[in-house]
Amino acid sequence: MPRKSNPFGETPKRAAPKKRVAPRRAVIKKAAAAPIVSRGPSLLLSSDEKREMIRAHAAMRATRDPVHMATLWAGVAATFLVVIGGWAWAFGPSFLQAASHPLDPSLTGIIDGVSQVGAQAQALNQTSDLKKELDLTTARLNALSAETASQQAAIDTMAQTINATSSNRALFRPSPAAPVEKTVTP
């Protein structure tokens, strides 16, 4: 089919091809399921039947042969020894060589430095412990000082009250003591 000419002299832009859509299929509605009709005995077991079946299986269970268990553990032990022996064979010589030679002097210096740092850290911990104890003692002294100040204020208040209400000041003065005779025992 020939193209129609454009009166404006422009070339038409190509339109995107139309997407093809698959034809819709008719949805078939399923008929309601027919009720289940039992055809024979039920396959479900009651709880009593289940217990009976478990007991029957337990009674049929075979006892374990002690020889079989011994060989099982012997196999586990042999496997363990093979693995440890292989590891020792592969790594043993290098470990033994490293243990038999004295330490490198540069490593000795590093080890000494590490031990000095450890000693300084321990001294720092002791200092911080002493500081904590000092802070605790200071807090206790401050609490005692506050308590003493409150007790002194209460005593002063009581003395002022007594002095203000008492007309006879000689009542609270100590009386002169009677002379005490001294006896000498031979």
Protein backbone atom coordinates (compact mmCIF):
# COMPACT_ATOMS: atom_id res chain seq x y z
CA MET A 1 0.00 0.00 0.00
CA PRO A 2 1.47 3.37 -0.97
CA ARG A 3 2.03 6.05 1.58
CA LYS A 4 -0.09 9.11 1.56
CA SER A 5 1.78 12.26 0.86
CA ASN A 6 2.06 14.91 3.54
CA PRO A 7 0.66 18.31 2.44
CA PHE A 8 3.21 20.16 4.58
CA GLY A 9 6.20 18.58 2.96
CA GLU A 10 7.50 16.97 6.08
CA THR A 11 8.45 13.39 6.35
CA PRO A 12 6.31 11.59 8.88
CA LYS A 13 7.94 10.15 11.98
CA ARG A 14 7.76 6.47 12.33
CA ALA A 15 5.24 5.36 14.84
CA ALA A 16 6.12 2.66 17.34
CA PRO A 17 4.80 -0.70 16.32
CA LYS A 18 1.69 -1.77 18.13
CA LYS A 19 2.14 -4.29 20.86
CA ARG A 20 0.58 -7.59 20.16
CA VAL A 21 -1.62 -8.82 22.91
CA ALA A 22 -2.40 -12.45 23.27
CA PRO A 23 -6.09 -13.18 23.02
CA ARG A 24 -7.76 -13.69 26.36
CA ARG A 25 -8.72 -17.16 27.20
CA ALA A 26 -12.04 -17.89 28.60
CA VAL A 27 -11.96 -18.62 32.31
CA ILE A 28 -13.48 -21.94 33.08
CA LYS A 29 -15.25 -21.92 36.38
CA LYS A 30 -14.75 -25.06 38.35
CA ALA A 31 -17.73 -26.72 39.77
CA ALA A 32 -17.94 -27.05 43.54
CA ALA A 33 -16.14 -30.12 44.79
CA ALA A 34 -18.32 -33.03 45.55
CA PRO A 35 -18.45 -34.11 49.19
CA ILE A 36 -15.96 -36.81 50.12
CA VAL A 37 -17.60 -40.14 50.52
CA SER A 38 -15.79 -42.60 52.73
CA ARG A 39 -15.02 -45.83 50.97
CA GLY A 40 -13.89 -48.14 53.69
CA PRO A 41 -12.23 -47.83 57.08
CA SER A 42 -10.62 -44.55 58.16
CA LEU A 43 -6.86 -44.26 57.71
CA LEU A 44 -6.46 -41.98 60.74
CA LEU A 45 -5.42 -43.60 64.01
CA SER A 46 -6.78 -42.72 67.40
CA SER A 47 -4.40 -41.72 70.17
CA ASP A 48 -4.74 -45.14 71.84
CA GLU A 49 -3.87 -46.90 68.58
CA LYS A 50 -0.85 -44.61 68.13
CA ARG A 51 0.44 -45.41 71.63
CA GLU A 52 -0.04 -49.11 71.00
CA MET A 53 1.92 -48.87 67.74
CA ILE A 54 4.78 -46.97 69.46
CA ARG A 55 4.99 -49.62 72.19
CA ALA A 56 5.06 -52.38 69.57
CA HIS A 57 7.94 -50.71 67.72
CA ALA A 58 9.83 -50.17 70.99
CA ALA A 59 9.42 -53.86 71.85
CA MET A 60 10.73 -54.87 68.41
CA ARG A 61 13.81 -52.65 68.71
CA ALA A 62 17.01 -54.66 68.86
CA THR A 63 19.39 -54.23 71.78
CA ARG A 64 22.76 -52.73 71.08
CA ASP A 65 25.66 -55.11 70.93
CA PRO A 66 28.40 -54.02 73.41
CA VAL A 67 31.12 -55.32 71.08
CA HIS A 68 29.77 -53.11 68.32
CA MET A 69 29.87 -50.06 70.63
CA ALA A 70 33.47 -50.90 71.67
CA THR A 71 34.59 -51.11 68.06
CA LEU A 72 32.81 -47.84 67.34
CA TRP A 73 34.73 -46.04 70.09
CA ALA A 74 37.97 -47.74 69.04
CA GLY A 75 37.43 -46.34 65.54
CA VAL A 76 36.85 -42.86 66.94
CA ALA A 77 40.05 -43.10 69.01
CA ALA A 78 42.06 -44.37 66.03
CA THR A 79 40.77 -41.54 63.85
CA PHE A 80 41.69 -39.01 66.55
CA LEU A 81 45.20 -40.42 66.81
CA VAL A 82 45.65 -40.32 63.03
CA VAL A 83 44.60 -36.68 62.87
CA ILE A 84 46.85 -35.65 65.80
CA GLY A 85 49.74 -37.72 64.42
CA GLY A 86 49.40 -36.12 61.00
CA TRP A 87 49.33 -32.67 62.52
CA ALA A 88 52.43 -33.44 64.62
CA TRP A 89 54.21 -34.88 61.59
CA ALA A 90 53.43 -31.83 59.46
CA PHE A 91 54.14 -29.13 62.04
CA GLY A 92 56.25 -30.91 64.63
CA PRO A 93 59.78 -30.27 63.31
CA SER A 94 59.27 -26.54 62.87
CA PHE A 95 57.77 -26.23 66.36
CA LEU A 96 60.60 -28.21 67.91
CA GLN A 97 63.21 -26.11 66.10
CA ALA A 98 61.60 -22.90 67.25
CA ALA A 99 61.49 -24.12 70.85
CA SER A 100 65.10 -25.36 70.88
CA HIS A 101 66.75 -22.13 69.63
CA PRO A 102 67.28 -19.18 71.99
CA LEU A 103 65.24 -16.06 71.36
CA ASP A 104 66.40 -13.43 68.94
CA PRO A 105 67.98 -10.43 70.78
CA SER A 106 65.51 -8.04 69.13
CA LEU A 107 62.63 -10.15 70.43
CA THR A 108 64.19 -10.14 73.90
CA GLY A 109 64.13 -6.33 73.87
CA ILE A 110 60.51 -6.32 72.77
CA ILE A 111 59.57 -8.78 75.52
CA ASP A 112 61.37 -6.62 78.11
CA GLY A 113 59.49 -3.56 76.83
CA VAL A 114 56.19 -5.36 77.06
CA SER A 115 56.92 -6.44 80.64
CA GLN A 116 57.85 -2.84 81.57
CA VAL A 117 54.60 -1.58 80.06
CA GLY A 118 52.75 -4.23 82.06
CA ALA A 119 54.46 -3.11 85.29
CA GLN A 120 53.58 0.53 84.53
CA ALA A 121 49.98 -0.42 83.86
CA GLN A 122 49.84 -2.30 87.16
CA ALA A 123 51.28 0.73 89.00
CA LEU A 124 48.72 2.95 87.27
CA ASN A 125 45.92 0.61 88.38
CA GLN A 126 47.22 0.75 91.96
CA THR A 127 47.34 4.56 91.77
CA SER A 128 43.78 4.71 90.50
CA ASP A 129 42.70 2.36 93.32
CA LEU A 130 44.39 4.61 95.88
CA LYS A 131 42.71 7.66 94.32
CA LYS A 132 39.33 5.95 94.61
CA GLU A 133 39.99 5.18 98.28
CA LEU A 134 41.09 8.78 98.87
CA ASP A 135 37.93 10.11 97.22
CA LEU A 136 35.80 7.77 99.35
CA THR A 137 37.56 8.86 102.56
CA THR A 138 37.15 12.54 101.60
CA ALA A 139 33.45 12.02 101.01
CA ARG A 140 33.11 10.35 104.43
CA LEU A 141 34.99 13.22 106.13
CA ASN A 142 32.75 15.78 104.40
CA ALA A 143 29.67 13.89 105.59
CA LEU A 144 31.03 13.79 109.17
CA SER A 145 31.88 17.49 109.00
CA ALA A 146 28.36 18.33 107.87
CA GLU A 147 26.93 16.14 110.65
CA THR A 148 29.16 17.79 113.25
CA ALA A 149 28.12 21.25 112.02
CA SER A 150 24.43 20.33 112.28
CA GLN A 151 24.95 18.93 115.80
CA GLN A 152 26.81 22.10 116.87
CA ALA A 153 23.98 24.23 115.47
CA ALA A 154 21.45 22.17 117.46
CA ILE A 155 23.51 22.56 120.67
CA ASP A 156 23.80 26.33 120.10
CA THR A 157 20.06 26.59 119.56
CA MET A 158 19.38 24.63 122.76
CA ALA A 159 21.83 26.81 124.75
CA GLN A 160 20.21 30.01 123.44
CA THR A 161 16.77 28.68 124.35
CA ILE A 162 17.90 27.77 127.86
CA ASN A 163 19.65 31.11 128.36
CA ALA A 164 16.65 33.06 127.08
CA THR A 165 14.10 31.22 129.26
CA SER A 166 16.14 30.92 132.43
CA SER A 167 15.92 33.77 134.93
CA ASN A 168 18.18 32.08 137.40
CA ARG A 169 21.55 31.74 135.74
CA ALA A 170 23.16 30.27 138.83
CA LEU A 171 21.02 27.17 138.29
CA PHE A 172 23.34 25.92 135.57
CA ARG A 173 26.63 26.85 137.22
CA PRO A 174 28.51 24.03 138.88
CA SER A 175 28.58 24.17 142.66
CA PRO A 176 31.92 24.29 144.41
CA ALA A 177 33.10 20.82 145.21
CA ALA A 178 33.40 19.71 148.80
CA PRO A 179 36.95 18.99 149.90
CA VAL A 180 37.83 15.34 149.57
CA GLU A 181 39.84 13.76 152.32
CA LYS A 182 42.72 11.71 151.19
CA THR A 183 43.33 8.53 153.07
CA VAL A 184 46.61 6.77 152.89
CA THR A 185 46.67 3.04 153.30
CA PRO A 186 49.81 1.53 154.72
